[in-house]
Amino acid sequence: MNALIARAWIALIGTTSHWTQAGRTRLGNLLGDLLWWLVVPRRRITLANLEACFPKMPQGERRRIARQCFRNIARSALDHSVLWKADRARLEAYVRIEGIEHALSPGTGR
């Protein structure tokens, strides 16, 4: 079963690598909502962690944050398709790097 899920996920990533960001976002939100309802143990853990960290926050707000977290994780996983499949030009358009000069060694000229 796990191998089948892994193959399906890899196929989905291959399919969505050429989609627009908006398309991947919509699908990621849909998958995140689906995971929210299907992966009950993770949902409970997420809600328990948020309650421990934010005990005074209303329960509805914690649920909203938790559900958005599931959506963001799914969107992030789909966005990796671009990193795996895109050419250099597309990656450069997709990623913004700030402060690279701080990571470069002095005198390398790179």
C-alpha atoms as a PDB file:
ATOM      1  CA  MET A   1       0.000   0.000   0.000  1.00  0.00           C
ATOM      2  CA  ASN A   2       2.770   2.463   0.913  1.00  0.00           C
ATOM      3  CA  ALA A   3       4.600   1.712  -2.340  1.00  0.00           C
ATOM      4  CA  LEU A   4       1.426   2.449  -4.289  1.00  0.00           C
ATOM      5  CA  ILE A   5       0.952   5.763  -2.480  1.00  0.00           C
ATOM      6  CA  ALA A   6       4.601   6.679  -3.112  1.00  0.00           C
ATOM      7  CA  ARG A   7       4.271   5.898  -6.834  1.00  0.00           C
ATOM      8  CA  ALA A   8       1.070   7.920  -7.070  1.00  0.00           C
ATOM      9  CA  TRP A   9       2.748  10.853  -5.311  1.00  0.00           C
ATOM     10  CA  ILE A  10       5.755  10.734  -7.652  1.00  0.00           C
ATOM     11  CA  ALA A  11       3.422  10.630 -10.648  1.00  0.00           C
ATOM     12  CA  LEU A  12       1.502  13.616  -9.282  1.00  0.00           C
ATOM     13  CA  ILE A  13       4.717  15.576  -8.775  1.00  0.00           C
ATOM     14  CA  GLY A  14       5.779  14.780 -12.328  1.00  0.00           C
ATOM     15  CA  THR A  15       2.416  15.935 -13.633  1.00  0.00           C
ATOM     16  CA  THR A  16       2.287  19.201 -11.693  1.00  0.00           C
ATOM     17  CA  SER A  17       5.838  20.321 -12.423  1.00  0.00           C
ATOM     18  CA  HIS A  18       4.659  22.288 -15.472  1.00  0.00           C
ATOM     19  CA  TRP A  19       1.539  23.722 -13.840  1.00  0.00           C
ATOM     20  CA  THR A  20       1.266  27.352 -12.828  1.00  0.00           C
ATOM     21  CA  GLN A  21       1.855  28.329  -9.217  1.00  0.00           C
ATOM     22  CA  ALA A  22      -1.858  29.080  -8.890  1.00  0.00           C
ATOM     23  CA  GLY A  23      -2.763  25.606 -10.116  1.00  0.00           C
ATOM     24  CA  ARG A  24      -0.370  23.914  -7.702  1.00  0.00           C
ATOM     25  CA  THR A  25      -1.703  26.104  -4.894  1.00  0.00           C
ATOM     26  CA  ARG A  26      -5.311  25.105  -5.585  1.00  0.00           C
ATOM     27  CA  LEU A  27      -4.414  21.414  -5.734  1.00  0.00           C
ATOM     28  CA  GLY A  28      -2.252  21.738  -2.612  1.00  0.00           C
ATOM     29  CA  ASN A  29      -5.122  23.341  -0.719  1.00  0.00           C
ATOM     30  CA  LEU A  30      -7.444  20.552  -1.819  1.00  0.00           C
ATOM     31  CA  LEU A  31      -4.936  17.861  -0.791  1.00  0.00           C
ATOM     32  CA  GLY A  32      -4.280  19.633   2.521  1.00  0.00           C
ATOM     33  CA  ASP A  33      -8.007  19.653   3.275  1.00  0.00           C
ATOM     34  CA  LEU A  34      -8.226  15.982   2.347  1.00  0.00           C
ATOM     35  CA  LEU A  35      -5.295  15.140   4.647  1.00  0.00           C
ATOM     36  CA  TRP A  36      -6.914  17.158   7.437  1.00  0.00           C
ATOM     37  CA  TRP A  37      -9.891  14.781   7.377  1.00  0.00           C
ATOM     38  CA  LEU A  38      -8.011  11.549   6.637  1.00  0.00           C
ATOM     39  CA  VAL A  39      -4.950  11.747   8.889  1.00  0.00           C
ATOM     40  CA  VAL A  40      -6.757  12.077  12.191  1.00  0.00           C
ATOM     41  CA  PRO A  41      -3.779  11.236  14.461  1.00  0.00           C
ATOM     42  CA  ARG A  42      -1.685  14.049  12.920  1.00  0.00           C
ATOM     43  CA  ARG A  43      -4.614  16.458  13.182  1.00  0.00           C
ATOM     44  CA  ARG A  44      -4.965  15.656  16.892  1.00  0.00           C
ATOM     45  CA  ILE A  45      -1.234  16.089  17.491  1.00  0.00           C
ATOM     46  CA  THR A  46      -1.211  19.411  15.643  1.00  0.00           C
ATOM     47  CA  LEU A  47      -4.150  20.703  17.653  1.00  0.00           C
ATOM     48  CA  ALA A  48      -2.619  19.487  20.945  1.00  0.00           C
ATOM     49  CA  ASN A  49       0.664  21.235  20.129  1.00  0.00           C
ATOM     50  CA  LEU A  50      -1.115  24.480  19.299  1.00  0.00           C
ATOM     51  CA  GLU A  51      -3.137  24.252  22.515  1.00  0.00           C
ATOM     52  CA  ALA A  52       0.064  23.710  24.535  1.00  0.00           C
ATOM     53  CA  CYS A  53       1.760  26.677  22.865  1.00  0.00           C
ATOM     54  CA  PHE A  54      -1.251  29.013  22.791  1.00  0.00           C
ATOM     55  CA  PRO A  55      -3.576  28.059  25.664  1.00  0.00           C
ATOM     56  CA  LYS A  56      -5.375  31.423  25.663  1.00  0.00           C
ATOM     57  CA  MET A  57      -6.048  31.370  21.927  1.00  0.00           C
ATOM     58  CA  PRO A  58      -9.640  30.508  21.028  1.00  0.00           C
ATOM     59  CA  GLN A  59     -10.092  26.914  19.854  1.00  0.00           C
ATOM     60  CA  GLY A  60     -11.508  28.058  16.520  1.00  0.00           C
ATOM     61  CA  GLU A  61      -8.387  30.092  15.794  1.00  0.00           C
ATOM     62  CA  ARG A  62      -6.126  27.147  16.659  1.00  0.00           C
ATOM     63  CA  ARG A  63      -8.152  24.925  14.309  1.00  0.00           C
ATOM     64  CA  ARG A  64      -7.836  27.528  11.536  1.00  0.00           C
ATOM     65  CA  ILE A  65      -4.046  27.649  11.976  1.00  0.00           C
ATOM     66  CA  ALA A  66      -3.785  23.856  12.096  1.00  0.00           C
ATOM     67  CA  ARG A  67      -5.843  23.408   8.939  1.00  0.00           C
ATOM     68  CA  GLN A  68      -3.778  26.044   7.131  1.00  0.00           C
ATOM     69  CA  CYS A  69      -0.649  24.184   8.221  1.00  0.00           C
ATOM     70  CA  PHE A  70      -1.931  21.036   6.482  1.00  0.00           C
ATOM     71  CA  ARG A  71      -2.594  23.069   3.334  1.00  0.00           C
ATOM     72  CA  ASN A  72       0.854  24.643   3.440  1.00  0.00           C
ATOM     73  CA  ILE A  73       2.566  21.267   3.819  1.00  0.00           C
ATOM     74  CA  ALA A  74       0.701  19.877   0.800  1.00  0.00           C
ATOM     75  CA  ARG A  75       1.448  22.996  -1.256  1.00  0.00           C
ATOM     76  CA  SER A  76       5.106  22.811  -0.307  1.00  0.00           C
ATOM     77  CA  ALA A  77       5.328  19.181  -1.357  1.00  0.00           C
ATOM     78  CA  LEU A  78       3.802  20.015  -4.747  1.00  0.00           C
ATOM     79  CA  ASP A  79       6.088  23.014  -5.197  1.00  0.00           C
ATOM     80  CA  HIS A  80       9.058  20.674  -4.937  1.00  0.00           C
ATOM     81  CA  SER A  81       8.051  19.389  -8.371  1.00  0.00           C
ATOM     82  CA  VAL A  82       9.430  22.606  -9.822  1.00  0.00           C
ATOM     83  CA  LEU A  83      12.712  22.143  -7.987  1.00  0.00           C
ATOM     84  CA  TRP A  84      13.017  18.576  -9.278  1.00  0.00           C
ATOM     85  CA  LYS A  85      11.982  19.118 -12.887  1.00  0.00           C
ATOM     86  CA  ALA A  86      12.567  22.733 -13.919  1.00  0.00           C
ATOM     87  CA  ASP A  87      15.446  24.066 -15.937  1.00  0.00           C
ATOM     88  CA  ARG A  88      17.779  26.729 -14.578  1.00  0.00           C
ATOM     89  CA  ALA A  89      15.883  29.670 -16.088  1.00  0.00           C
ATOM     90  CA  ARG A  90      12.595  28.591 -14.522  1.00  0.00           C
ATOM     91  CA  LEU A  91      14.251  28.014 -11.156  1.00  0.00           C
ATOM     92  CA  GLU A  92      15.850  31.443 -11.228  1.00  0.00           C
ATOM     93  CA  ALA A  93      12.442  32.988 -11.931  1.00  0.00           C
ATOM     94  CA  TYR A  94      10.867  30.954  -9.125  1.00  0.00           C
ATOM     95  CA  VAL A  95      13.432  31.538  -6.368  1.00  0.00           C
ATOM     96  CA  ARG A  96      14.576  34.860  -4.953  1.00  0.00           C
ATOM     97  CA  ILE A  97      17.929  34.939  -3.188  1.00  0.00           C
ATOM     98  CA  GLU A  98      18.762  37.841  -0.916  1.00  0.00           C
ATOM     99  CA  GLY A  99      22.027  38.358   0.926  1.00  0.00           C
ATOM    100  CA  ILE A 100      24.020  35.846  -1.115  1.00  0.00           C
ATOM    101  CA  GLU A 101      27.076  38.012  -0.624  1.00  0.00           C
ATOM    102  CA  HIS A 102      27.112  36.981   3.043  1.00  0.00           C
ATOM    103  CA  ALA A 103      27.379  33.297   2.131  1.00  0.00           C
ATOM    104  CA  LEU A 104      30.158  33.656  -0.420  1.00  0.00           C
ATOM    105  CA  SER A 105      33.767  33.284   0.628  1.00  0.00           C
ATOM    106  CA  PRO A 106      35.824  36.493   0.459  1.00  0.00           C
ATOM    107  CA  GLY A 107      38.014  36.710  -2.603  1.00  0.00           C
ATOM    108  CA  THR A 108      36.261  34.002  -4.616  1.00  0.00           C
ATOM    109  CA  GLY A 109      34.557  36.470  -6.899  1.00  0.00           C
ATOM    110  CA  ARG A 110      31.481  34.281  -7.010  1.00  0.00           C
END
